Amino acid sequence: MPDQRIGGKIAVVTGGGSGIGQAAAIRFAEEGATVYMLDRTPEKAEATRATIENNGGVAHVVECDISKPEMVEKAFQQVAEQAGKLDIVFANAGINGTMAPIETMEIEDWDRTININLRGTFATVKYAIPHLKDRGGSIIINSSINGNRVFSNIGFSAYSSTKAAQVAFMKMAALELARYKIRVNAICPGAIKTHIDENTYPTDDLKNVQIKVEFPDGDQPLEQGPGTPTQVANVVLFLASDESSHLTGTEIFVDGAESLLHG
């Protein structure tokens, strides 16, 4: 269809089995892209693929744990060989990880969050570049308001550090990759109705360092509640499309002004 916003393009989404990744994969397909979902839980991504195909779209699932760089490299090679090109990458996969006081957080728990959220993002971008640099393309990184505007979520030191670092990395990558016409941007969602809390592990001693934070009535001013994955996916679609052709090195807060109150 001529009015499809990313018609004919090849898009990779990490963590397409649920939440924002799932919503983005569906929106990409609705707007004409062939979608490859890289997911460490392929059975969840298969459900997304079924939804896409039932709507007339095209999607594929590649098993990939982004904390394992060799799997990421192999997955991008597989996509490139099968599709013949690559246009869009949504580096979405991540976890909240362990919520714990800095003093008692285990090094292993810190490393797990860093390896999935930050090193996984680095590997995703690194191994996508060889398949993007001849034609250009768009990379979108899923960061967060945490670590960028919000610092009051006690116990989230590892998570917030990865999210701040993702934005810094995005800006470095945007400048370095501009010569190849590869655009790199980030989204910073606030509270969104997803299942990421299933990957959150608060420790019993977190209460020992909690600081009471009282938010005003209407702490999510725009809609008086959390946003939806589709609302975030619509912003990701904009960044993936040619509509944002002069936009790179930028983080966009998708939070209904929540972080302006919470920061």
Protein backbone atom coordinates (compact mmCIF):
# COMPACT_ATOMS: atom_id res chain seq x y z
CA MET A 1 0.00 0.00 0.00
CA PRO A 2 1.49 3.35 -1.02
CA ASP A 3 0.42 5.13 2.17
CA GLN A 4 2.22 2.74 4.50
CA ARG A 5 4.80 4.68 6.48
CA ILE A 6 7.58 2.06 6.45
CA GLY A 7 6.39 -0.11 3.59
CA GLY A 8 8.99 -2.55 2.25
CA LYS A 9 11.41 -2.01 5.11
CA ILE A 10 13.04 -4.67 7.28
CA ALA A 11 12.76 -4.07 11.02
CA VAL A 12 14.35 -5.86 13.96
CA VAL A 13 12.75 -5.62 17.40
CA THR A 14 14.46 -7.10 20.45
CA GLY A 15 12.03 -8.33 23.08
CA GLY A 16 9.01 -8.40 20.79
CA GLY A 17 7.09 -10.89 22.87
CA SER A 18 5.44 -8.43 25.24
CA GLY A 19 4.89 -4.83 26.24
CA ILE A 20 6.38 -2.00 24.22
CA GLY A 21 8.35 -4.35 21.96
CA GLN A 22 5.22 -6.28 21.09
CA ALA A 23 3.27 -3.09 20.38
CA ALA A 24 6.09 -1.73 18.20
CA ALA A 25 6.37 -4.97 16.22
CA ILE A 26 2.64 -4.88 15.55
CA ARG A 27 2.71 -1.20 14.50
CA PHE A 28 5.74 -1.76 12.27
CA ALA A 29 3.93 -4.58 10.50
CA GLU A 30 0.72 -2.57 10.19
CA GLU A 31 2.73 0.10 8.39
CA GLY A 32 4.29 -2.29 5.91
CA ALA A 33 7.56 -3.51 7.44
CA THR A 34 8.67 -7.11 7.62
CA VAL A 35 9.44 -7.63 11.30
CA TYR A 36 12.05 -9.87 12.86
CA MET A 37 11.65 -10.33 16.60
CA LEU A 38 14.79 -11.27 18.52
CA ASP A 39 13.60 -12.74 21.79
CA ARG A 40 14.97 -14.99 24.52
CA THR A 41 11.43 -16.34 25.03
CA PRO A 42 10.50 -17.29 21.45
CA GLU A 43 7.16 -18.76 22.49
CA LYS A 44 5.99 -15.27 23.53
CA ALA A 45 7.29 -13.74 20.33
CA GLU A 46 5.47 -16.45 18.35
CA ALA A 47 2.21 -15.18 19.83
CA THR A 48 3.07 -11.70 18.56
CA ARG A 49 3.92 -13.16 15.16
CA ALA A 50 0.53 -14.86 15.04
CA THR A 51 -1.20 -11.57 15.78
CA ILE A 52 0.77 -9.83 13.03
CA GLU A 53 0.06 -12.53 10.48
CA ASN A 54 -3.63 -12.63 11.39
CA ASN A 55 -3.68 -8.93 10.54
CA GLY A 56 -2.05 -9.57 7.17
CA GLY A 57 1.49 -8.64 8.14
CA VAL A 58 4.79 -10.49 7.89
CA ALA A 59 6.88 -11.43 10.92
CA HIS A 60 9.60 -13.87 11.94
CA VAL A 61 11.00 -14.98 15.29
CA VAL A 62 14.69 -15.51 16.04
CA GLU A 63 15.70 -16.88 19.42
CA CYS A 64 18.22 -14.48 20.92
CA ASP A 65 19.35 -13.55 24.41
CA ILE A 66 20.83 -10.04 24.13
CA SER A 67 23.05 -10.67 27.15
CA LYS A 68 24.97 -13.14 24.95
CA PRO A 69 26.81 -11.14 22.25
CA GLU A 70 27.48 -14.19 20.09
CA MET A 71 23.71 -14.80 19.82
CA VAL A 72 23.11 -11.17 18.85
CA GLU A 73 25.75 -11.28 16.11
CA LYS A 74 24.40 -14.54 14.74
CA ALA A 75 20.82 -13.24 14.82
CA PHE A 76 21.65 -10.15 12.75
CA GLN A 77 23.55 -12.27 10.26
CA GLN A 78 20.50 -14.51 9.96
CA VAL A 79 18.18 -11.56 9.39
CA ALA A 80 20.48 -10.03 6.77
CA GLU A 81 20.89 -13.31 4.91
CA GLN A 82 17.18 -14.03 4.92
CA ALA A 83 15.88 -10.52 4.22
CA GLY A 84 18.75 -9.20 2.12
CA LYS A 85 18.89 -5.88 3.96
CA LEU A 86 18.15 -4.11 7.25
CA ASP A 87 16.48 -0.73 7.75
CA ILE A 88 15.18 -0.37 11.31
CA VAL A 89 16.39 -1.59 14.70
CA PHE A 90 14.41 -1.15 17.90
CA ALA A 91 16.72 -2.02 20.82
CA ASN A 92 13.93 -2.64 23.28
CA ALA A 93 14.74 -5.71 25.36
CA GLY A 94 15.56 -5.11 29.00
CA ILE A 95 14.72 -5.82 32.63
CA ASN A 96 14.10 -3.82 35.78
CA GLY A 97 16.34 -6.25 37.62
CA THR A 98 17.06 -6.29 41.31
CA MET A 99 15.84 -3.43 43.50
CA ALA A 100 18.16 -3.25 46.50
CA PRO A 101 20.15 -0.83 48.60
CA ILE A 102 23.52 -0.04 47.06
CA GLU A 103 25.26 -1.35 50.17
CA THR A 104 23.67 -4.79 49.98
CA MET A 105 23.11 -5.26 46.25
CA GLU A 106 25.03 -8.28 45.07
CA ILE A 107 27.65 -7.66 42.39
CA GLU A 108 26.08 -10.49 40.39
CA ASP A 109 22.69 -8.74 40.43
CA TRP A 110 24.30 -5.45 39.34
CA ASP A 111 26.14 -7.26 36.53
CA ARG A 112 22.98 -9.01 35.32
CA THR A 113 21.13 -5.72 34.89
CA ILE A 114 24.14 -4.09 33.22
CA ASN A 115 24.72 -7.03 30.89
CA ILE A 116 21.13 -7.22 29.70
CA ASN A 117 20.19 -3.54 29.54
CA LEU A 118 23.43 -1.80 28.65
CA ARG A 119 25.80 -4.34 27.15
CA GLY A 120 22.82 -5.88 25.36
CA THR A 121 21.99 -2.51 23.81
CA PHE A 122 25.61 -2.02 22.81
CA ALA A 123 25.74 -5.46 21.19
CA THR A 124 22.46 -4.84 19.38
CA VAL A 125 23.74 -1.61 17.86
CA LYS A 126 27.25 -2.95 17.21
CA TYR A 127 26.12 -5.99 15.26
CA ALA A 128 23.44 -4.08 13.35
CA ILE A 129 25.88 -1.52 11.93
CA PRO A 130 27.46 -3.71 9.21
CA HIS A 131 24.00 -4.38 7.82
CA LEU A 132 22.86 -0.74 7.95
CA LYS A 133 25.89 1.27 6.89
CA ASP A 134 25.56 0.87 3.10
CA ARG A 135 21.96 2.09 2.96
CA GLY A 136 21.43 4.00 6.18
CA GLY A 137 18.60 3.39 8.58
CA SER A 138 17.11 4.13 11.98
CA ILE A 139 18.04 2.77 15.40
CA ILE A 140 15.75 3.43 18.35
CA ILE A 141 16.81 2.63 21.92
CA ASN A 142 14.26 2.06 24.68
CA SER A 143 15.54 3.96 27.71
CA SER A 144 13.43 5.37 30.57
CA ILE A 145 12.56 8.45 32.58
CA ASN A 146 14.53 6.71 35.38
CA GLY A 147 18.14 7.83 35.33
CA ASN A 148 17.33 10.71 32.99
CA ARG A 149 14.69 12.81 34.76
CA VAL A 150 13.65 10.67 37.73
CA PHE A 151 15.92 9.58 40.59
CA SER A 152 13.42 8.95 43.39
CA ASN A 153 12.86 5.23 42.79
CA ILE A 154 15.04 3.98 45.63
CA GLY A 155 16.72 0.66 44.90
CA PHE A 156 16.89 1.23 41.16
CA SER A 157 20.59 2.21 41.10
CA ALA A 158 21.53 -0.48 38.58
CA TYR A 159 18.50 0.02 36.35
CA SER A 160 18.74 3.82 36.37
CA SER A 161 22.46 3.65 35.62
CA THR A 162 21.80 1.54 32.54
CA LYS A 163 19.07 3.88 31.35
CA ALA A 164 21.22 6.99 31.74
CA ALA A 165 24.07 5.23 29.97
CA GLN A 166 21.80 4.18 27.10
CA VAL A 167 21.02 7.84 26.39
CA ALA A 168 24.70 8.82 26.52
CA PHE A 169 25.57 5.90 24.24
CA MET A 170 22.77 6.89 21.87
CA LYS A 171 24.24 10.38 21.48
CA MET A 172 27.73 9.05 20.88
CA ALA A 173 26.39 6.59 18.31
CA ALA A 174 24.27 9.22 16.57
CA LEU A 175 27.30 11.38 15.87
CA GLU A 176 29.60 8.52 14.92
CA LEU A 177 27.08 6.87 12.60
CA ALA A 178 25.73 10.01 10.91
CA ARG A 179 28.30 9.58 8.11
CA TYR A 180 26.48 6.36 7.18
CA LYS A 181 23.03 8.02 7.27
CA ILE A 182 22.18 5.91 10.30
CA ARG A 183 19.99 7.84 12.71
CA VAL A 184 20.04 6.92 16.42
CA ASN A 185 17.44 8.14 18.90
CA ALA A 186 15.97 7.03 22.22
CA ILE A 187 12.59 6.98 23.86
CA CYS A 188 12.19 7.50 27.60
CA PRO A 189 8.85 6.05 28.69
CA GLY A 190 7.28 6.70 32.06
CA ALA A 191 4.71 4.44 33.68
CA ILE A 192 3.37 2.17 30.94
CA LYS A 193 0.96 -0.75 31.28
CA THR A 194 3.37 -3.63 30.64
CA HIS A 195 4.58 -6.79 32.36
CA ILE A 196 8.13 -5.58 33.05
CA ASP A 197 7.41 -5.87 36.78
CA GLU A 198 7.70 -9.61 36.26
CA ASN A 199 11.43 -8.93 35.79
CA THR A 200 11.71 -6.84 38.96
CA TYR A 201 13.20 -8.36 42.10
CA PRO A 202 12.94 -6.19 45.25
CA THR A 203 15.00 -7.32 48.24
CA ASP A 204 13.67 -7.52 51.80
CA ASP A 205 16.00 -4.80 53.09
CA LEU A 206 14.88 -2.20 50.57
CA LYS A 207 12.63 -0.67 53.24
CA ASN A 208 15.74 0.29 55.21
CA VAL A 209 16.71 2.97 52.69
CA GLN A 210 13.30 4.07 51.45
CA ILE A 211 12.69 7.80 51.38
CA LYS A 212 9.12 8.92 51.64
CA VAL A 213 8.09 10.68 48.47
CA GLU A 214 4.67 12.31 48.32
CA PHE A 215 3.40 12.95 44.84
CA PRO A 216 0.68 15.53 44.20
CA ASP A 217 -2.78 14.49 43.13
CA GLY A 218 -2.67 13.71 39.45
CA ASP A 219 0.95 12.56 39.38
CA GLN A 220 0.45 11.51 35.76
CA PRO A 221 -0.98 14.82 34.57
CA LEU A 222 -1.91 14.19 30.95
CA GLU A 223 -4.15 11.15 31.35
CA GLN A 224 -4.36 10.57 35.12
CA GLY A 225 -2.86 7.13 34.69
CA PRO A 226 -0.15 5.12 32.96
CA GLY A 227 0.27 5.18 29.21
CA THR A 228 -0.22 2.25 26.88
CA PRO A 229 2.39 0.31 24.91
CA THR A 230 0.72 1.43 21.67
CA GLN A 231 1.17 5.09 22.60
CA VAL A 232 4.89 4.46 22.98
CA ALA A 233 4.97 2.33 19.82
CA ASN A 234 3.54 5.21 17.81
CA VAL A 235 6.54 7.35 18.80
CA VAL A 236 8.90 4.49 17.90
CA LEU A 237 7.17 4.24 14.52
CA PHE A 238 7.71 7.95 13.92
CA LEU A 239 11.42 7.60 14.72
CA ALA A 240 11.67 4.57 12.44
CA SER A 241 10.01 6.32 9.52
CA ASP A 242 11.27 8.93 7.08
CA GLU A 243 9.02 11.45 8.85
CA SER A 244 11.90 11.87 11.33
CA SER A 245 14.61 11.98 8.66
CA HIS A 246 16.40 14.98 10.23
CA LEU A 247 16.12 13.75 13.81
CA THR A 248 19.06 11.98 15.44
CA GLY A 249 20.85 12.05 18.79
CA THR A 250 17.65 12.90 20.64
CA GLU A 251 15.76 11.39 23.56
CA ILE A 252 11.98 11.74 23.61
CA PHE A 253 10.08 11.48 26.90
CA VAL A 254 6.86 9.51 26.44
CA ASP A 255 5.30 9.92 29.86
CA GLY A 256 2.41 12.37 29.84
CA ALA A 257 4.54 14.89 31.83
CA GLU A 258 4.96 12.41 34.71
CA SER A 259 8.70 12.99 34.99
CA LEU A 260 8.25 16.76 35.27
CA LEU A 261 6.58 16.14 38.63
CA HIS A 262 8.63 13.18 39.79
CA GLY A 263 12.12 14.45 39.10
